[in-house]
Protein backbone atom coordinates (compact mmCIF):
# COMPACT_ATOMS: atom_id res chain seq x y z
CA MET A 1 73.21 90.75 98.04
CA ASP A 2 71.71 89.20 94.93
CA LEU A 3 74.30 88.04 92.40
CA ASN A 4 73.12 86.08 89.37
CA LYS A 5 76.44 85.30 87.67
CA ILE A 6 80.07 85.29 88.75
CA LEU A 7 82.93 84.54 86.33
CA LEU A 8 86.14 83.09 87.79
CA VAL A 9 89.24 83.45 85.60
CA ASP A 10 92.28 81.49 86.70
CA ASN A 11 93.90 78.08 86.30
CA LYS A 12 91.52 75.16 86.36
CA ASN A 13 92.53 73.85 89.79
CA ASP A 14 92.15 77.25 91.50
CA THR A 15 88.83 78.08 89.82
CA SER A 16 87.47 74.66 90.75
CA ASN A 17 88.41 75.09 94.42
CA LEU A 18 87.10 78.64 94.61
CA LYS A 19 83.85 77.75 92.85
CA THR A 20 83.27 74.99 95.41
CA GLN A 21 83.92 77.40 98.31
CA LEU A 22 81.67 80.13 96.94
CA THR A 23 78.92 77.62 96.09
CA ASN A 24 79.05 76.26 99.64
CA GLU A 25 78.65 79.78 100.97
CA LYS A 26 75.68 80.34 98.62
CA ILE A 27 77.22 83.52 97.22
CA CYS A 28 75.80 83.23 93.74
CA LYS A 29 73.26 81.27 91.70
CA ASP A 30 75.54 80.68 88.73
CA ILE A 31 79.36 80.54 88.81
CA ILE A 32 81.19 80.20 85.49
CA THR A 33 84.92 79.36 85.19
CA THR A 34 87.58 79.73 82.54
CA ASP A 35 91.38 79.73 82.39
CA ASN A 36 91.49 81.72 79.14
CA GLY A 37 91.40 85.53 78.91
CA THR A 38 89.97 85.52 75.36
CA GLU A 39 87.14 83.21 76.44
CA ALA A 40 86.53 85.40 79.46
CA ILE A 41 86.00 88.40 77.20
CA GLU A 42 83.61 86.40 75.01
CA LEU A 43 81.65 85.36 78.09
CA LEU A 44 81.50 88.96 79.29
CA ALA A 45 80.16 90.11 75.94
CA ASN A 46 77.46 87.46 75.77
CA LYS A 47 76.49 86.79 79.38
CA ASP A 48 74.98 89.08 81.96
CA ILE A 49 77.84 88.75 84.45
CA ASP A 50 77.73 90.74 87.67
CA LEU A 51 81.22 90.06 88.97
CA VAL A 52 84.53 88.79 87.62
CA ILE A 53 87.21 87.44 89.98
CA THR A 54 90.37 87.15 87.94
CA ASN A 55 94.03 86.33 88.28
CA LEU A 56 96.37 88.62 86.36
CA THR A 57 98.33 85.82 84.73
CA VAL A 58 95.92 83.90 82.50
CA LYS A 59 96.14 82.62 78.92
CA ASN A 60 95.99 84.93 75.86
CA VAL A 61 94.68 88.10 77.59
CA ASP A 62 95.85 89.01 81.09
CA GLY A 63 93.56 90.14 83.89
CA ILE A 64 94.10 93.85 83.28
CA GLY A 65 93.37 93.35 79.61
CA ILE A 66 90.08 91.64 80.53
CA ILE A 67 89.07 94.57 82.72
CA GLU A 68 90.02 97.13 80.06
CA LYS A 69 88.06 95.26 77.39
CA ALA A 70 84.95 95.19 79.63
CA LYS A 71 85.27 98.93 80.15
CA ALA A 72 85.67 99.47 76.38
CA LEU A 73 82.47 97.51 75.84
CA GLU A 74 80.84 99.77 78.47
CA LEU A 75 79.88 96.78 80.58
CA ASN A 76 78.81 97.37 84.18
CA THR A 77 80.53 94.24 85.48
CA LYS A 78 82.53 94.61 88.70
CA PHE A 79 86.04 93.20 89.05
CA ILE A 80 88.12 91.78 91.89
CA VAL A 81 91.70 90.83 91.17
CA LEU A 82 93.00 87.81 93.08
CA SER A 83 96.70 87.44 92.34
CA PRO A 84 99.99 86.23 93.91
CA LEU A 85 101.82 89.24 92.44
CA ASN A 86 102.87 91.56 95.28
CA ASN A 87 104.01 94.64 93.36
CA ASP A 88 102.96 98.25 93.94
CA ASN A 89 102.93 99.15 90.23
CA ILE A 90 100.84 96.11 89.29
CA ILE A 91 98.40 96.83 92.07
CA GLN A 92 98.08 100.45 90.96
CA ASP A 93 97.59 99.39 87.33
CA SER A 94 94.88 96.92 88.30
CA LEU A 95 92.95 99.47 90.36
CA SER A 96 93.40 102.21 87.78
CA ALA A 97 92.06 99.85 85.10
CA GLY A 98 88.87 99.43 87.10
CA ALA A 99 89.25 96.66 89.65
CA SER A 100 87.35 97.30 92.87
CA TYR A 101 89.76 95.34 95.00
CA TYR A 102 93.17 93.69 94.71
CA LEU A 103 93.68 90.67 96.99
CA LEU A 104 96.83 88.63 97.35
CA LYS A 105 96.71 84.88 96.89
CA PRO A 106 96.34 82.79 98.93
CA CYS A 107 93.32 84.60 100.29
CA GLU A 108 90.94 83.32 102.93
CA VAL A 109 87.48 82.84 101.44
CA GLU A 110 85.97 84.86 104.31
CA ILE A 111 87.96 87.89 103.24
CA LEU A 112 86.97 87.43 99.60
CA ILE A 113 83.31 87.15 100.56
CA GLN A 114 83.58 90.35 102.60
CA ARG A 115 85.05 92.17 99.59
CA ILE A 116 82.24 90.86 97.39
CA ASN A 117 79.77 92.16 99.95
CA ASP A 118 81.58 95.48 99.98
CA VAL A 119 81.32 95.82 96.18
CA PHE A 120 77.58 95.17 96.24
CA LYS A 121 76.83 96.39 99.76
CA ASN A 122 73.18 96.92 100.59
CA ARG A 123 72.14 97.58 97.01
CA GLU A 124 69.09 96.60 95.12
CA PRO A 125 69.85 95.03 91.70
CA SER A 126 68.76 98.24 89.93
CA LYS A 127 71.37 100.21 91.83
CA LEU A 128 74.36 97.91 91.41
CA ASN A 129 75.96 100.17 88.86
CA GLU A 130 75.93 103.43 90.78
CA PRO A 131 79.42 104.99 90.89
CA ASP A 132 81.19 104.15 94.12
CA LEU A 133 84.70 104.73 95.42
CA SER A 134 86.72 101.52 95.12
CA TYR A 135 89.05 100.33 97.83
CA PHE A 136 91.34 97.37 98.07
CA TYR A 137 92.39 94.88 100.69
CA ILE A 138 95.81 93.31 100.47
CA LYS A 139 96.52 90.54 102.95
CA ASN A 140 99.83 90.65 104.83
CA MET A 141 100.89 93.81 103.05
CA ASN A 142 101.49 97.20 104.65
CA ILE A 143 100.43 100.03 102.37
CA ASP A 144 101.26 103.43 103.82
CA THR A 145 98.64 106.14 104.03
CA GLU A 146 100.21 108.18 101.22
CA TYR A 147 99.99 105.30 98.76
CA ASN A 148 96.47 104.38 99.90
CA LEU A 149 95.32 107.97 99.35
CA GLU A 150 96.87 108.12 95.87
CA VAL A 151 95.12 104.92 94.80
CA MET A 152 91.78 106.15 96.17
CA VAL A 153 92.07 109.49 94.37
CA THR A 154 93.09 107.79 91.10
CA ASN A 155 90.05 105.51 91.31
CA ALA A 156 87.77 108.39 92.16
CA ILE A 157 88.84 110.38 89.13
CA HIS A 158 88.26 107.35 86.92
CA MET A 159 84.80 106.86 88.47
CA VAL A 160 83.58 110.25 87.26
CA GLY A 161 84.81 109.59 83.73
CA ILE A 162 88.01 111.57 83.47
CA GLN A 163 90.36 109.82 81.08
CA HIS A 164 93.85 108.86 82.17
CA ASN A 165 95.47 110.22 79.00
CA LEU A 166 94.39 113.81 79.67
CA VAL A 167 97.07 116.15 81.04
CA GLY A 168 94.54 117.41 83.54
CA PHE A 169 94.18 113.91 85.04
CA GLN A 170 97.54 114.09 86.77
CA TYR A 171 97.02 117.72 87.84
CA LEU A 172 93.61 116.90 89.27
CA LYS A 173 95.03 113.96 91.16
CA GLU A 174 97.61 116.24 92.81
CA ALA A 175 94.96 118.88 93.54
CA ILE A 176 92.53 116.42 95.18
CA ILE A 177 95.30 114.82 97.25
CA LEU A 178 96.36 118.24 98.53
CA ALA A 179 92.75 119.26 99.21
CA THR A 180 92.08 115.97 101.01
CA LYS A 181 94.99 116.63 103.33
CA ASN A 182 94.05 120.26 103.82
CA LYS A 183 90.36 121.18 103.32
CA ASP A 184 91.24 124.88 103.20
CA ALA A 185 93.52 124.42 100.16
CA VAL A 186 90.66 125.14 97.71
CA ASN A 187 90.22 128.57 99.32
CA THR A 188 93.65 129.54 97.98
CA ILE A 189 93.40 127.57 94.73
CA THR A 190 94.84 130.34 92.56
CA LYS A 191 97.47 131.65 94.94
CA GLU A 192 98.76 128.34 96.35
CA LEU A 193 97.21 125.15 94.93
CA TYR A 194 97.86 125.79 91.24
CA PRO A 195 101.38 127.11 91.88
CA ASP A 196 102.21 124.09 94.04
CA ILE A 197 101.09 121.69 91.35
CA ALA A 198 102.88 123.71 88.69
CA THR A 199 106.09 123.43 90.67
CA ILE A 200 105.71 119.66 90.98
CA HIS A 201 105.21 119.27 87.22
CA LYS A 202 107.51 122.10 86.09
CA THR A 203 104.79 124.04 84.30
CA SER A 204 102.83 127.24 84.87
CA PRO A 205 99.82 127.75 87.19
CA SER A 206 97.71 128.93 84.25
CA ARG A 207 98.38 125.70 82.35
CA VAL A 208 97.45 123.68 85.43
CA GLU A 209 94.15 125.61 85.72
CA ARG A 210 93.31 125.15 82.03
CA ALA A 211 94.18 121.45 81.98
CA ILE A 212 92.04 120.76 85.06
CA ARG A 213 89.15 122.79 83.61
CA HIS A 214 89.42 120.89 80.29
CA ALA A 215 89.40 117.50 82.10
CA ILE A 216 86.26 118.43 84.09
CA GLU A 217 84.55 119.79 80.94
CA ASN A 218 85.40 116.59 79.08
CA ALA A 219 83.90 114.39 81.84
CA TRP A 220 80.85 116.67 82.09
CA ARG A 221 80.16 116.33 78.37
CA ARG A 222 80.52 112.56 78.56
CA SER A 223 78.37 111.95 81.65
CA PRO A 224 77.31 114.75 83.99
CA GLN A 225 75.25 112.20 85.90
CA ALA A 226 78.42 110.27 86.85
CA ILE A 227 79.80 113.39 88.52
CA MET A 228 76.56 114.17 90.33
CA ASP A 229 76.07 110.56 91.43
CA PHE A 230 79.59 110.32 92.80
CA THR A 231 79.66 113.69 94.61
CA LYS A 232 76.02 113.37 95.69
CA THR A 233 75.53 116.95 94.41
CA THR A 234 73.18 118.35 91.78
CA PHE A 235 74.59 120.81 89.24
CA GLU A 236 72.75 122.86 86.65
CA ASP A 237 76.01 123.45 84.86
CA LYS A 238 79.55 122.11 84.91
CA PRO A 239 81.15 122.52 88.37
CA THR A 240 84.02 124.94 88.65
CA ASN A 241 87.52 123.64 89.31
CA SER A 242 87.31 124.58 92.98
CA GLU A 243 83.83 123.07 93.43
CA PHE A 244 84.89 119.83 91.79
CA ILE A 245 88.14 119.50 93.71
CA ALA A 246 86.45 120.32 97.06
CA LEU A 247 83.59 117.85 96.54
CA MET A 248 85.95 115.06 95.46
CA ALA A 249 88.24 115.73 98.44
CA ASP A 250 85.28 115.79 100.84
CA LYS A 251 84.05 112.44 99.54
CA ILE A 252 87.47 110.80 99.90
CA ARG A 253 88.04 112.34 103.32
CA LEU A 254 84.74 110.86 104.50
CA GLU A 255 85.56 107.43 103.11
CA LEU A 256 89.00 107.51 104.73
CA LYS A 257 87.35 108.05 108.12
CA GLN A 258 85.01 105.11 107.49
CA ILE A 259 87.86 102.66 106.78
CA ALA A 260 90.28 104.05 109.41
């Protein structure tokens, strides 16, 4: 692991302590600290920062706002949220915004270092920005499998560039979750999968199909490479709904086995 710059965003006492711990562990050559969200965004825009470790409750701009601004600026910086807030909705929002991990404070430095290693695992600097499925580790918190799967699928869809505000985003999430649980689901996508999702959302199967197709087309226009990198599959043209759902479900199923 070769990190050049880490930015710590939290109150002065906590950033000072964490900086000392990470420096002692020789995690990074240059560790910058701030307790101000606005300053954090300015630093992100003007410094080549590899990783931000941020609390959610900081001055001016909160942690999620910092992550969202970095994404809007199309920065490739990675994020780990380190927060005392133990709330499912906040955790989901943080991961959906783009955080790789959400850790509860107080967090043992060994666990944090392991998560940093996981974010940049075995990668050369030129490959640090390859799309990867983000997971989270929450100390002393039991997250059931259903919630864990939903978070993973949400992050995966974000990774390939499908925007959260698209109707097809939610339909795709349901489809991939169902296909992850049952790999044969995509073989009956028209007869069972679309109708099941339509029932959940009180709409028609044809609208589900169109919305999913539109979401995939939108992501394909924006960055076909993101889809191919994430699924490890080469396409000459946009993948069909069933191809996309099956490949995403396969990837998540494999990752679930690795962290089981």
